[in-house]
Structures are given as C-alpha cells and as structure tokens.
Amino acid sequence: MNRAAVATLGRASDWRARAGARYPILRVMPGWLMAAVVVMPAIGFWLGLELRAQGTGSVAATAAAPPAPLAAPATLRTVGMRHLRFVDAPDKSVQVLDADTGAEVYRVVGEAGFVRGILRGMARERKRLGKGPGEPFELSLNAGLLTLRDLATGQRIELTAFGHTNAGAFARMLVDVQPVPEAGDRQ
C-alpha cells in the first residue's frame, strides 16, 4: 500500500474524531452513553414485541393483524361546540361565559399560562384589527380536534397540537356541569 492509502485507513478508523468535528458533544460524551443511545431503543423495541406476543400467542400473529378500517368521513361529526366570552373578573380570574345563555361555564383561576397565553394572543389580534370584545369565540371538538376560533377576526388555533394537557385546559369549557340531586330528590 502507498502512503495515501495508509493515511486514509488511519483516518477511517478514527470515526469518533471525525464525528466529534461535526458534532462537538461527541468529543466529551462517554463511550458507554453512546452505546446506550444505540442499544436501549433496540431493547425497548424487542421488549415491546415480546409484550404484545404474550397477549396473542405469537409475534407473527401480531404483525399479520389487519389494520382497523377508517371511519367514513360522513360519520365524523361535531361532538361539542360552544360560543364563549372571556371576561376579566375583579379577583384576577377569567370568567368563561356561554355567549348564548350568559351562564358561567368555567373560571380560569391562578396562573393557567397556556389558557391566558392563547387568549392574550387572540385579544392582541382583535386590537390590531380594531375589533371590540363584542363577538364571541367558538370552541369546538370535531373528529378529535379541539379548535378555538375567533369569530371577529377569523383567527383559528388548533389546540390539540399543543398536547393533551394544554388542550384539556380548554376542553373543560365544553363540559356541562349538571347539579347533583338532593338526597330527597333521588328516586
């Protein structure tokens, strides 16, 4: 072999130095951690197949199961929709009122960063466009997607995209709270 080939072989075997030049974190990362990053997902994948195999009898039966049929678009319908108004209360909370009935359906108390952040952004857009607080917001749950739409500006925010915890803060506003019957009222 000539000198160029030997030099190339020497550089090719030093993969960590080459990778470290491109990704500096690899220079200081211990070898055991790099191995764990590669090995742990493989073990998890293997364990996942084993756990499913216990329920069905074999891994092949799990892999060969046909996919569930998708629901036809005609069967997808709105399962919840409400027009809401958000009013600042004197105690620094936010009253959530049903725009149709005027009844309080929820109260945002405390920090509630996600809810307040979304409402602040939508109020800023209304102010920018010169719209007042008169027009309600529409909160709807349609085919598993929770959406808040500003009827004054047309702005729409897909709340489900922010994760189930954040979307759940708004989903509580779709729930009708029924009064608990008194002990004498029960039959």
N, C-alpha and C. Protein backbone atom coordinates (compact mmCIF):
# COMPACT_ATOMS: atom_id res chain seq x y z
N MET A 1 0.83 -1.19 0.00
CA MET A 1 0.00 0.00 0.00
C MET A 1 0.87 1.24 0.00
N ASN A 2 0.32 2.27 -0.61
CA ASN A 2 1.08 3.53 -0.60
C ASN A 2 0.72 4.36 0.63
N ARG A 3 1.41 5.46 0.80
CA ARG A 3 1.22 6.29 2.00
C ARG A 3 -0.18 6.89 2.06
N ALA A 4 -0.75 7.26 0.93
CA ALA A 4 -2.09 7.88 0.92
C ALA A 4 -3.13 6.87 1.39
N ALA A 5 -3.00 5.60 0.98
CA ALA A 5 -3.95 4.58 1.38
C ALA A 5 -3.86 4.32 2.88
N VAL A 6 -2.63 4.28 3.41
CA VAL A 6 -2.43 4.05 4.84
C VAL A 6 -3.00 5.23 5.64
N ALA A 7 -2.80 6.44 5.17
CA ALA A 7 -3.33 7.62 5.86
C ALA A 7 -4.85 7.62 5.85
N THR A 8 -5.45 7.19 4.73
CA THR A 8 -6.90 7.12 4.64
C THR A 8 -7.45 6.06 5.60
N LEU A 9 -6.78 4.90 5.69
CA LEU A 9 -7.21 3.86 6.61
C LEU A 9 -7.13 4.34 8.05
N GLY A 10 -6.10 5.06 8.38
CA GLY A 10 -5.93 5.59 9.73
C GLY A 10 -7.04 6.56 10.08
N ARG A 11 -7.41 7.41 9.13
CA ARG A 11 -8.47 8.38 9.38
C ARG A 11 -9.84 7.69 9.43
N ALA A 12 -10.03 6.68 8.61
CA ALA A 12 -11.32 5.99 8.58
C ALA A 12 -11.59 5.27 9.89
N SER A 13 -10.55 4.77 10.55
CA SER A 13 -10.77 4.04 11.80
C SER A 13 -11.02 4.99 12.96
N ASP A 14 -10.69 6.25 12.82
CA ASP A 14 -10.91 7.21 13.90
C ASP A 14 -12.24 7.93 13.68
N TRP A 15 -13.33 7.17 13.70
CA TRP A 15 -14.65 7.73 13.43
C TRP A 15 -15.09 8.72 14.49
N ARG A 16 -14.62 8.50 15.71
CA ARG A 16 -15.04 9.39 16.80
C ARG A 16 -14.47 10.79 16.61
N ALA A 17 -13.26 10.90 16.14
CA ALA A 17 -12.66 12.23 15.91
C ALA A 17 -13.39 12.94 14.77
N ARG A 18 -13.73 12.18 13.71
CA ARG A 18 -14.45 12.80 12.60
C ARG A 18 -15.85 13.23 13.03
N ALA A 19 -16.52 12.36 13.77
CA ALA A 19 -17.86 12.70 14.23
C ALA A 19 -17.81 13.85 15.23
N GLY A 20 -16.75 13.88 16.06
CA GLY A 20 -16.59 14.95 17.04
C GLY A 20 -16.34 16.30 16.39
N ALA A 21 -15.72 16.28 15.20
CA ALA A 21 -15.50 17.54 14.49
C ALA A 21 -16.84 18.12 14.02
N ARG A 22 -17.75 17.26 13.65
CA ARG A 22 -19.05 17.72 13.17
C ARG A 22 -20.03 17.96 14.31
N TYR A 23 -20.01 17.10 15.33
CA TYR A 23 -20.90 17.21 16.47
C TYR A 23 -20.04 17.27 17.74
N PRO A 24 -19.74 18.46 18.23
CA PRO A 24 -18.80 18.60 19.37
C PRO A 24 -19.21 17.86 20.63
N ILE A 25 -20.48 17.60 20.83
CA ILE A 25 -20.91 16.89 22.04
C ILE A 25 -20.32 15.48 22.09
N LEU A 26 -20.04 14.89 20.91
CA LEU A 26 -19.49 13.53 20.87
C LEU A 26 -18.07 13.46 21.41
N ARG A 27 -17.35 14.59 21.42
CA ARG A 27 -15.99 14.59 21.95
C ARG A 27 -15.97 14.34 23.45
N VAL A 28 -16.98 14.82 24.15
CA VAL A 28 -17.00 14.70 25.60
C VAL A 28 -17.94 13.62 26.10
N MET A 29 -18.74 13.05 25.22
CA MET A 29 -19.69 12.02 25.62
C MET A 29 -18.96 10.70 25.87
N PRO A 30 -19.21 10.08 27.03
CA PRO A 30 -18.55 8.80 27.30
C PRO A 30 -19.02 7.71 26.33
N GLY A 31 -18.17 6.75 26.11
CA GLY A 31 -18.49 5.67 25.19
C GLY A 31 -19.69 4.86 25.64
N TRP A 32 -19.83 4.64 26.94
CA TRP A 32 -20.97 3.86 27.44
C TRP A 32 -22.30 4.55 27.16
N LEU A 33 -22.29 5.90 27.17
CA LEU A 33 -23.52 6.63 26.89
C LEU A 33 -23.89 6.53 25.42
N MET A 34 -22.87 6.59 24.54
CA MET A 34 -23.15 6.44 23.11
C MET A 34 -23.70 5.05 22.83
N ALA A 35 -23.16 4.03 23.48
CA ALA A 35 -23.65 2.67 23.29
C ALA A 35 -25.09 2.54 23.81
N ALA A 36 -25.38 3.19 24.93
CA ALA A 36 -26.73 3.13 25.50
C ALA A 36 -27.74 3.77 24.56
N VAL A 37 -27.34 4.86 23.91
CA VAL A 37 -28.24 5.54 22.98
C VAL A 37 -28.61 4.62 21.82
N VAL A 38 -27.70 3.75 21.44
CA VAL A 38 -27.97 2.83 20.34
C VAL A 38 -28.68 1.56 20.83
N VAL A 39 -28.25 1.02 21.95
CA VAL A 39 -28.73 -0.27 22.41
C VAL A 39 -30.11 -0.18 23.08
N MET A 40 -30.36 0.85 23.89
CA MET A 40 -31.61 0.94 24.64
C MET A 40 -32.86 0.97 23.75
N PRO A 41 -32.90 1.74 22.67
CA PRO A 41 -34.10 1.66 21.82
C PRO A 41 -34.29 0.28 21.21
N ALA A 42 -33.19 -0.40 20.88
CA ALA A 42 -33.31 -1.74 20.32
C ALA A 42 -33.90 -2.70 21.36
N ILE A 43 -33.47 -2.58 22.60
CA ILE A 43 -34.01 -3.43 23.65
C ILE A 43 -35.49 -3.12 23.88
N GLY A 44 -35.84 -1.84 23.89
CA GLY A 44 -37.24 -1.45 24.05
C GLY A 44 -38.11 -1.98 22.93
N PHE A 45 -37.60 -1.92 21.71
CA PHE A 45 -38.34 -2.44 20.57
C PHE A 45 -38.54 -3.95 20.74
N TRP A 46 -37.49 -4.64 21.14
CA TRP A 46 -37.58 -6.08 21.33
C TRP A 46 -38.56 -6.42 22.45
N LEU A 47 -38.50 -5.70 23.57
CA LEU A 47 -39.42 -5.95 24.67
C LEU A 47 -40.86 -5.64 24.27
N GLY A 48 -41.06 -4.62 23.48
CA GLY A 48 -42.40 -4.28 23.02
C GLY A 48 -43.00 -5.40 22.21
N LEU A 49 -42.21 -6.01 21.34
CA LEU A 49 -42.71 -7.15 20.57
C LEU A 49 -43.01 -8.33 21.48
N GLU A 50 -42.18 -8.54 22.47
CA GLU A 50 -42.41 -9.66 23.38
C GLU A 50 -43.68 -9.45 24.19
N LEU A 51 -43.94 -8.25 24.66
CA LEU A 51 -45.13 -7.99 25.45
C LEU A 51 -46.40 -8.20 24.62
N ARG A 52 -46.38 -7.76 23.37
CA ARG A 52 -47.54 -7.97 22.53
C ARG A 52 -47.71 -9.45 22.21
N ALA A 53 -46.62 -10.17 22.07
CA ALA A 53 -46.69 -11.58 21.72
C ALA A 53 -47.33 -12.39 22.85
N GLN A 54 -47.19 -11.97 24.09
CA GLN A 54 -47.79 -12.71 25.19
C GLN A 54 -49.31 -12.68 25.10
N GLY A 55 -49.89 -11.60 24.61
CA GLY A 55 -51.33 -11.49 24.52
C GLY A 55 -51.93 -12.24 23.35
N THR A 56 -51.18 -12.42 22.27
CA THR A 56 -51.75 -13.03 21.08
C THR A 56 -51.23 -14.43 20.80
N GLY A 57 -50.17 -14.84 21.45
CA GLY A 57 -49.65 -16.18 21.23
C GLY A 57 -48.41 -16.19 20.38
N SER A 58 -48.25 -15.24 19.47
CA SER A 58 -47.03 -15.21 18.68
C SER A 58 -46.80 -13.82 18.12
N VAL A 59 -45.56 -13.53 17.84
CA VAL A 59 -45.20 -12.24 17.25
C VAL A 59 -45.75 -12.16 15.84
N ALA A 60 -45.74 -13.26 15.12
CA ALA A 60 -46.23 -13.26 13.74
C ALA A 60 -47.71 -12.91 13.69
N ALA A 61 -48.49 -13.38 14.66
CA ALA A 61 -49.92 -13.07 14.67
C ALA A 61 -50.15 -11.59 14.89
N THR A 62 -49.30 -10.96 15.71
CA THR A 62 -49.43 -9.53 15.96
C THR A 62 -49.09 -8.74 14.71
N ALA A 63 -48.03 -9.13 14.03
CA ALA A 63 -47.60 -8.40 12.84
C ALA A 63 -48.56 -8.59 11.68
N ALA A 64 -49.26 -9.73 11.63
CA ALA A 64 -50.12 -10.02 10.50
C ALA A 64 -51.55 -9.50 10.68
N ALA A 65 -51.85 -8.92 11.83
CA ALA A 65 -53.22 -8.44 12.07
C ALA A 65 -53.55 -7.31 11.10
N PRO A 66 -54.72 -7.35 10.47
CA PRO A 66 -55.07 -6.30 9.51
C PRO A 66 -55.35 -4.99 10.24
N PRO A 67 -55.08 -3.86 9.58
CA PRO A 67 -55.34 -2.58 10.22
C PRO A 67 -56.84 -2.35 10.38
N ALA A 68 -57.18 -1.59 11.40
CA ALA A 68 -58.59 -1.28 11.64
C ALA A 68 -59.10 -0.38 10.52
N PRO A 69 -60.31 -0.59 10.04
CA PRO A 69 -60.83 0.27 8.98
C PRO A 69 -61.05 1.69 9.49
N LEU A 70 -60.81 2.65 8.63
CA LEU A 70 -61.01 4.04 8.98
C LEU A 70 -62.49 4.39 8.89
N ALA A 71 -62.91 5.27 9.76
CA ALA A 71 -64.31 5.70 9.73
C ALA A 71 -64.55 6.55 8.49
N ALA A 72 -65.69 6.37 7.91
CA ALA A 72 -66.05 7.17 6.73
C ALA A 72 -66.21 8.62 7.15
N PRO A 73 -65.82 9.58 6.31
CA PRO A 73 -65.94 10.98 6.68
C PRO A 73 -67.37 11.39 7.04
N ALA A 74 -68.37 10.70 6.52
CA ALA A 74 -69.75 11.05 6.82
C ALA A 74 -70.10 10.77 8.28
N THR A 75 -69.36 9.83 8.94
CA THR A 75 -69.67 9.51 10.32
C THR A 75 -68.98 10.45 11.30
N LEU A 76 -68.02 11.23 10.83
CA LEU A 76 -67.35 12.19 11.70
C LEU A 76 -68.25 13.40 11.87
N ARG A 77 -68.49 13.78 13.11
CA ARG A 77 -69.39 14.91 13.35
C ARG A 77 -68.88 15.70 14.54
N THR A 78 -69.37 16.89 14.68
CA THR A 78 -69.02 17.70 15.82
C THR A 78 -69.69 17.11 17.06
N VAL A 79 -68.88 16.83 18.06
CA VAL A 79 -69.43 16.27 19.29
C VAL A 79 -69.55 17.34 20.37
N GLY A 80 -69.01 18.49 20.14
CA GLY A 80 -69.12 19.56 21.11
C GLY A 80 -68.76 20.89 20.47
N MET A 81 -69.59 21.90 20.73
CA MET A 81 -69.31 23.24 20.24
C MET A 81 -69.99 24.22 21.16
N ARG A 82 -69.30 25.30 21.47
CA ARG A 82 -69.87 26.30 22.35
C ARG A 82 -69.30 27.67 21.99
N HIS A 83 -70.17 28.68 22.00
CA HIS A 83 -69.74 30.06 21.82
C HIS A 83 -69.42 30.63 23.20
N LEU A 84 -68.24 31.21 23.32
CA LEU A 84 -67.76 31.65 24.63
C LEU A 84 -67.36 33.12 24.62
N ARG A 85 -67.48 33.74 25.77
CA ARG A 85 -66.93 35.07 26.03
C ARG A 85 -66.01 34.93 27.23
N PHE A 86 -64.90 35.64 27.18
CA PHE A 86 -63.93 35.63 28.26
C PHE A 86 -63.91 37.01 28.90
N VAL A 87 -64.20 37.06 30.20
CA VAL A 87 -64.33 38.33 30.91
C VAL A 87 -63.37 38.32 32.10
N ASP A 88 -62.58 39.39 32.23
CA ASP A 88 -61.69 39.52 33.39
C ASP A 88 -62.53 39.85 34.63
N ALA A 89 -62.35 39.06 35.68
CA ALA A 89 -63.08 39.27 36.93
C ALA A 89 -62.25 40.14 37.87
N PRO A 90 -62.88 40.78 38.84
CA PRO A 90 -62.13 41.62 39.78
C PRO A 90 -61.08 40.86 40.60
N ASP A 91 -61.29 39.57 40.81
CA ASP A 91 -60.32 38.79 41.60
C ASP A 91 -59.17 38.24 40.76
N LYS A 92 -58.92 38.81 39.60
CA LYS A 92 -57.82 38.45 38.68
C LYS A 92 -58.05 37.12 37.96
N SER A 93 -59.21 36.52 38.12
CA SER A 93 -59.51 35.31 37.38
C SER A 93 -60.19 35.70 36.07
N VAL A 94 -60.41 34.71 35.21
CA VAL A 94 -61.08 34.95 33.94
C VAL A 94 -62.36 34.13 33.94
N GLN A 95 -63.49 34.81 33.81
CA GLN A 95 -64.77 34.12 33.73
C GLN A 95 -64.98 33.68 32.29
N VAL A 96 -65.38 32.43 32.12
CA VAL A 96 -65.71 31.90 30.81
C VAL A 96 -67.22 31.77 30.77
N LEU A 97 -67.85 32.59 29.93
CA LEU A 97 -69.30 32.64 29.86
C LEU A 97 -69.80 32.04 28.56
N ASP A 98 -70.90 31.31 28.64
CA ASP A 98 -71.56 30.82 27.43
C ASP A 98 -72.19 32.04 26.77
N ALA A 99 -71.81 32.33 25.54
CA ALA A 99 -72.29 33.54 24.86
C ALA A 99 -73.78 33.47 24.57
N ASP A 100 -74.34 32.28 24.45
CA ASP A 100 -75.76 32.14 24.13
C ASP A 100 -76.65 32.33 25.37
N THR A 101 -76.23 31.79 26.52
CA THR A 101 -77.05 31.84 27.72
C THR A 101 -76.56 32.85 28.75
N GLY A 102 -75.30 33.23 28.68
CA GLY A 102 -74.72 34.14 29.67
C GLY A 102 -74.28 33.45 30.95
N ALA A 103 -74.46 32.14 31.03
CA ALA A 103 -74.08 31.39 32.23
C ALA A 103 -72.57 31.17 32.26
N GLU A 104 -72.01 31.20 33.47
CA GLU A 104 -70.59 30.92 33.63
C GLU A 104 -70.38 29.42 33.50
N VAL A 105 -69.52 29.01 32.56
CA VAL A 105 -69.27 27.59 32.35
C VAL A 105 -67.94 27.13 32.94
N TYR A 106 -67.06 28.09 33.20
CA TYR A 106 -65.73 27.76 33.72
C TYR A 106 -65.11 29.04 34.25
N ARG A 107 -64.14 28.89 35.13
CA ARG A 107 -63.41 30.05 35.63
C ARG A 107 -61.93 29.69 35.62
N VAL A 108 -61.13 30.53 34.98
CA VAL A 108 -59.68 30.33 34.91
C VAL A 108 -59.09 31.04 36.12
N VAL A 109 -58.58 30.25 37.07
CA VAL A 109 -58.04 30.79 38.30
C VAL A 109 -56.55 30.51 38.34
N GLY A 110 -55.80 31.43 38.89
CA GLY A 110 -54.37 31.22 39.04
C GLY A 110 -53.62 31.55 37.77
N GLU A 111 -52.45 30.95 37.64
CA GLU A 111 -51.58 31.28 36.51
C GLU A 111 -52.15 30.82 35.18
N ALA A 112 -52.47 29.54 35.05
CA ALA A 112 -53.06 28.98 33.83
C ALA A 112 -52.39 29.56 32.59
N GLY A 113 -51.09 29.40 32.50
CA GLY A 113 -50.29 30.04 31.47
C GLY A 113 -50.73 29.77 30.04
N PHE A 114 -51.10 28.53 29.74
CA PHE A 114 -51.48 28.22 28.36
C PHE A 114 -52.76 28.92 27.97
N VAL A 115 -53.79 28.84 28.81
CA VAL A 115 -55.08 29.45 28.50
C VAL A 115 -54.91 30.96 28.38
N ARG A 116 -54.25 31.56 29.36
CA ARG A 116 -54.05 33.01 29.32
C ARG A 116 -53.21 33.43 28.13
N GLY A 117 -52.22 32.65 27.78
CA GLY A 117 -51.37 32.97 26.63
C GLY A 117 -52.15 32.95 25.31
N ILE A 118 -52.98 31.95 25.13
CA ILE A 118 -53.80 31.87 23.92
C ILE A 118 -54.77 33.04 23.85
N LEU A 119 -55.43 33.32 24.97
CA LEU A 119 -56.40 34.42 25.00
C LEU A 119 -55.71 35.77 24.79
N ARG A 120 -54.54 35.95 25.36
CA ARG A 120 -53.79 37.20 25.19
C ARG A 120 -53.42 37.41 23.72
N GLY A 121 -53.00 36.34 23.07
CA GLY A 121 -52.64 36.45 21.65
C GLY A 121 -53.85 36.78 20.78
N MET A 122 -54.98 36.18 21.08
CA MET A 122 -56.19 36.46 20.29
C MET A 122 -56.71 37.87 20.56
N ALA A 123 -56.60 38.34 21.81
CA ALA A 123 -57.02 39.71 22.14
C ALA A 123 -56.12 40.72 21.44
N ARG A 124 -54.83 40.41 21.34
CA ARG A 124 -53.88 41.29 20.64
C ARG A 124 -54.26 41.41 19.16
N GLU A 125 -54.66 40.29 18.56
CA GLU A 125 -55.06 40.31 17.15
C GLU A 125 -56.34 41.13 16.96
N ARG A 126 -57.28 41.01 17.88
CA ARG A 126 -58.50 41.82 17.81
C ARG A 126 -58.17 43.30 17.89
N LYS A 127 -57.29 43.64 18.81
CA LYS A 127 -56.92 45.05 18.98
C LYS A 127 -56.21 45.57 17.74
N ARG A 128 -55.35 44.76 17.14
CA ARG A 128 -54.62 45.16 15.94
C ARG A 128 -55.58 45.43 14.78
N LEU A 129 -56.65 44.65 14.69
CA LEU A 129 -57.62 44.82 13.62
C LEU A 129 -58.74 45.80 13.97
N GLY A 130 -58.70 46.36 15.17
CA GLY A 130 -59.70 47.33 15.58
C GLY A 130 -61.04 46.71 15.92
N LYS A 131 -61.06 45.45 16.30
CA LYS A 131 -62.30 44.75 16.67
C LYS A 131 -62.50 44.86 18.19
N GLY A 132 -63.73 44.94 18.60
CA GLY A 132 -64.05 45.01 20.02
C GLY A 132 -64.30 43.64 20.61
N PRO A 133 -64.62 43.60 21.90
CA PRO A 133 -64.86 42.32 22.57
C PRO A 133 -66.27 41.78 22.38
N GLY A 134 -67.08 42.40 21.53
CA GLY A 134 -68.48 42.01 21.39
C GLY A 134 -68.70 40.64 20.77
N GLU A 135 -67.91 40.26 19.81
CA GLU A 135 -68.10 38.98 19.10
C GLU A 135 -67.53 37.82 19.94
N PRO A 136 -68.25 36.71 20.06
CA PRO A 136 -67.76 35.59 20.89
C PRO A 136 -66.69 34.75 20.16
N PHE A 137 -66.12 33.84 20.90
CA PHE A 137 -65.19 32.84 20.38
C PHE A 137 -65.96 31.54 20.22
N GLU A 138 -65.51 30.70 19.32
CA GLU A 138 -66.16 29.40 19.13
C GLU A 138 -65.16 28.31 19.48
N LEU A 139 -65.50 27.51 20.48
CA LEU A 139 -64.68 26.37 20.88
C LEU A 139 -65.40 25.12 20.40
N SER A 140 -64.71 24.30 19.59
CA SER A 140 -65.38 23.12 19.05
C SER A 140 -64.46 21.91 19.10
N LEU A 141 -65.09 20.77 19.29
CA LEU A 141 -64.41 19.48 19.25
C LEU A 141 -65.00 18.73 18.08
N ASN A 142 -64.21 18.54 17.05
CA ASN A 142 -64.69 17.91 15.82
C ASN A 142 -63.69 16.84 15.41
N ALA A 143 -64.13 15.61 15.37
CA ALA A 143 -63.29 14.48 14.94
C ALA A 143 -62.01 14.39 15.76
N GLY A 144 -62.10 14.70 17.05
CA GLY A 144 -60.94 14.59 17.92
C GLY A 144 -60.05 15.81 17.93
N LEU A 145 -60.35 16.82 17.15
CA LEU A 145 -59.55 18.04 17.11
C LEU A 145 -60.27 19.16 17.85
N LEU A 146 -59.59 19.74 18.81
CA LEU A 146 -60.14 20.84 19.60
C LEU A 146 -59.65 22.14 19.00
N THR A 147 -60.59 23.00 18.61
CA THR A 147 -60.25 24.23 17.89
C THR A 147 -60.91 25.42 18.56
N LEU A 148 -60.15 26.51 18.70
CA LEU A 148 -60.69 27.78 19.18
C LEU A 148 -60.63 28.76 18.02
N ARG A 149 -61.81 29.31 17.69
CA ARG A 149 -61.89 30.23 16.55
C ARG A 149 -62.46 31.55 17.03
N ASP A 150 -61.80 32.63 16.63
CA ASP A 150 -62.28 33.97 16.95
C ASP A 150 -63.23 34.39 15.84
N LEU A 151 -64.49 34.56 16.16
CA LEU A 151 -65.48 34.91 15.16
C LEU A 151 -65.32 36.34 14.66
N ALA A 152 -64.63 37.19 15.41
CA ALA A 152 -64.43 38.58 14.99
C ALA A 152 -63.31 38.70 13.97
N THR A 153 -62.24 37.95 14.13
CA THR A 153 -61.07 38.09 13.25
C THR A 153 -60.91 36.93 12.28
N GLY A 154 -61.55 35.80 12.56
CA GLY A 154 -61.38 34.62 11.73
C GLY A 154 -60.16 33.80 12.12
N GLN A 155 -59.41 34.25 13.12
CA GLN A 155 -58.23 33.52 13.57
C GLN A 155 -58.65 32.19 14.18
N ARG A 156 -57.90 31.14 13.87
CA ARG A 156 -58.23 29.79 14.33
C ARG A 156 -56.97 29.15 14.91
N ILE A 157 -57.11 28.55 16.08
CA ILE A 157 -55.99 27.88 16.73
C ILE A 157 -56.38 26.44 16.99
N GLU A 158 -55.57 25.53 16.50
CA GLU A 158 -55.76 24.10 16.71
C GLU A 158 -55.12 23.75 18.05
N LEU A 159 -55.92 23.63 19.09
CA LEU A 159 -55.42 23.44 20.45
C LEU A 159 -54.85 22.04 20.67
N THR A 160 -55.33 21.07 19.94
CA THR A 160 -54.86 19.69 20.09
C THR A 160 -53.37 19.59 19.75
N ALA A 161 -52.89 20.48 18.91
CA ALA A 161 -51.48 20.44 18.51
C ALA A 161 -50.54 20.76 19.67
N PHE A 162 -51.05 21.35 20.74
CA PHE A 162 -50.22 21.71 21.88
C PHE A 162 -50.16 20.62 22.93
N GLY A 163 -50.72 19.46 22.65
CA GLY A 163 -50.67 18.34 23.59
C GLY A 163 -51.96 18.21 24.37
N HIS A 164 -52.18 17.02 24.91
CA HIS A 164 -53.44 16.75 25.58
C HIS A 164 -53.62 17.52 26.88
N THR A 165 -52.54 17.83 27.58
CA THR A 165 -52.66 18.58 28.83
C THR A 165 -53.12 20.00 28.55
N ASN A 166 -52.48 20.66 27.59
CA ASN A 166 -52.87 22.03 27.26
C ASN A 166 -54.26 22.07 26.63
N ALA A 167 -54.54 21.15 25.74
CA ALA A 167 -55.87 21.12 25.11
C ALA A 167 -56.94 20.82 26.15
N GLY A 168 -56.60 20.02 27.15
CA GLY A 168 -57.55 19.68 28.21
C GLY A 168 -58.00 20.90 29.00
N ALA A 169 -57.12 21.91 29.11
CA ALA A 169 -57.49 23.13 29.81
C ALA A 169 -58.67 23.81 29.11
N PHE A 170 -58.73 23.73 27.79
CA PHE A 170 -59.85 24.30 27.04
C PHE A 170 -61.01 23.31 26.94
N ALA A 171 -60.71 22.00 26.90
CA ALA A 171 -61.77 21.00 26.77
C ALA A 171 -62.72 21.05 27.95
N ARG A 172 -62.23 21.46 29.12
CA ARG A 172 -63.10 21.57 30.30
C ARG A 172 -64.22 22.58 30.07
N MET A 173 -64.02 23.51 29.15
CA MET A 173 -65.02 24.53 28.88
C MET A 173 -66.19 23.99 28.06
N LEU A 174 -66.03 22.79 27.49
CA LEU A 174 -67.11 22.17 26.74
C LEU A 174 -68.01 21.29 27.59
N VAL A 175 -67.61 21.05 28.83
CA VAL A 175 -68.34 20.14 29.70
C VAL A 175 -69.46 20.90 30.39
N ASP A 176 -70.67 20.37 30.32
CA ASP A 176 -71.81 20.92 31.05
C ASP A 176 -71.83 20.29 32.43
N VAL A 177 -71.81 21.11 33.44
CA VAL A 177 -71.86 20.61 34.81
C VAL A 177 -73.31 20.51 35.23
N GLN A 178 -73.74 19.31 35.53
CA GLN A 178 -75.11 19.07 35.96
C GLN A 178 -75.17 19.13 37.49
N PRO A 179 -76.18 19.77 38.06
CA PRO A 179 -76.25 19.83 39.52
C PRO A 179 -76.51 18.44 40.11
N VAL A 180 -75.92 18.19 41.27
CA VAL A 180 -76.12 16.92 41.97
C VAL A 180 -77.48 16.98 42.64
N PRO A 181 -78.33 15.96 42.44
CA PRO A 181 -79.65 15.99 43.08
C PRO A 181 -79.55 15.86 44.59
N GLU A 182 -80.45 16.49 45.28
CA GLU A 182 -80.51 16.42 46.75
C GLU A 182 -80.87 15.00 47.17
N ALA A 183 -80.61 14.65 48.41
CA ALA A 183 -80.91 13.30 48.91
C ALA A 183 -82.39 13.00 48.79
N GLY A 184 -83.25 13.99 49.01
CA GLY A 184 -84.70 13.78 48.93
C GLY A 184 -85.20 13.69 47.50
N ASP A 185 -84.42 14.23 46.52
CA ASP A 185 -84.83 14.23 45.12
C ASP A 185 -84.53 12.92 44.42
N ARG A 186 -83.65 12.10 44.99
CA ARG A 186 -83.27 10.83 44.35
C ARG A 186 -84.41 9.84 44.42
N GLN A 187 -84.53 9.04 43.39
CA GLN A 187 -85.62 8.07 43.34
C GLN A 187 -85.10 6.67 43.47
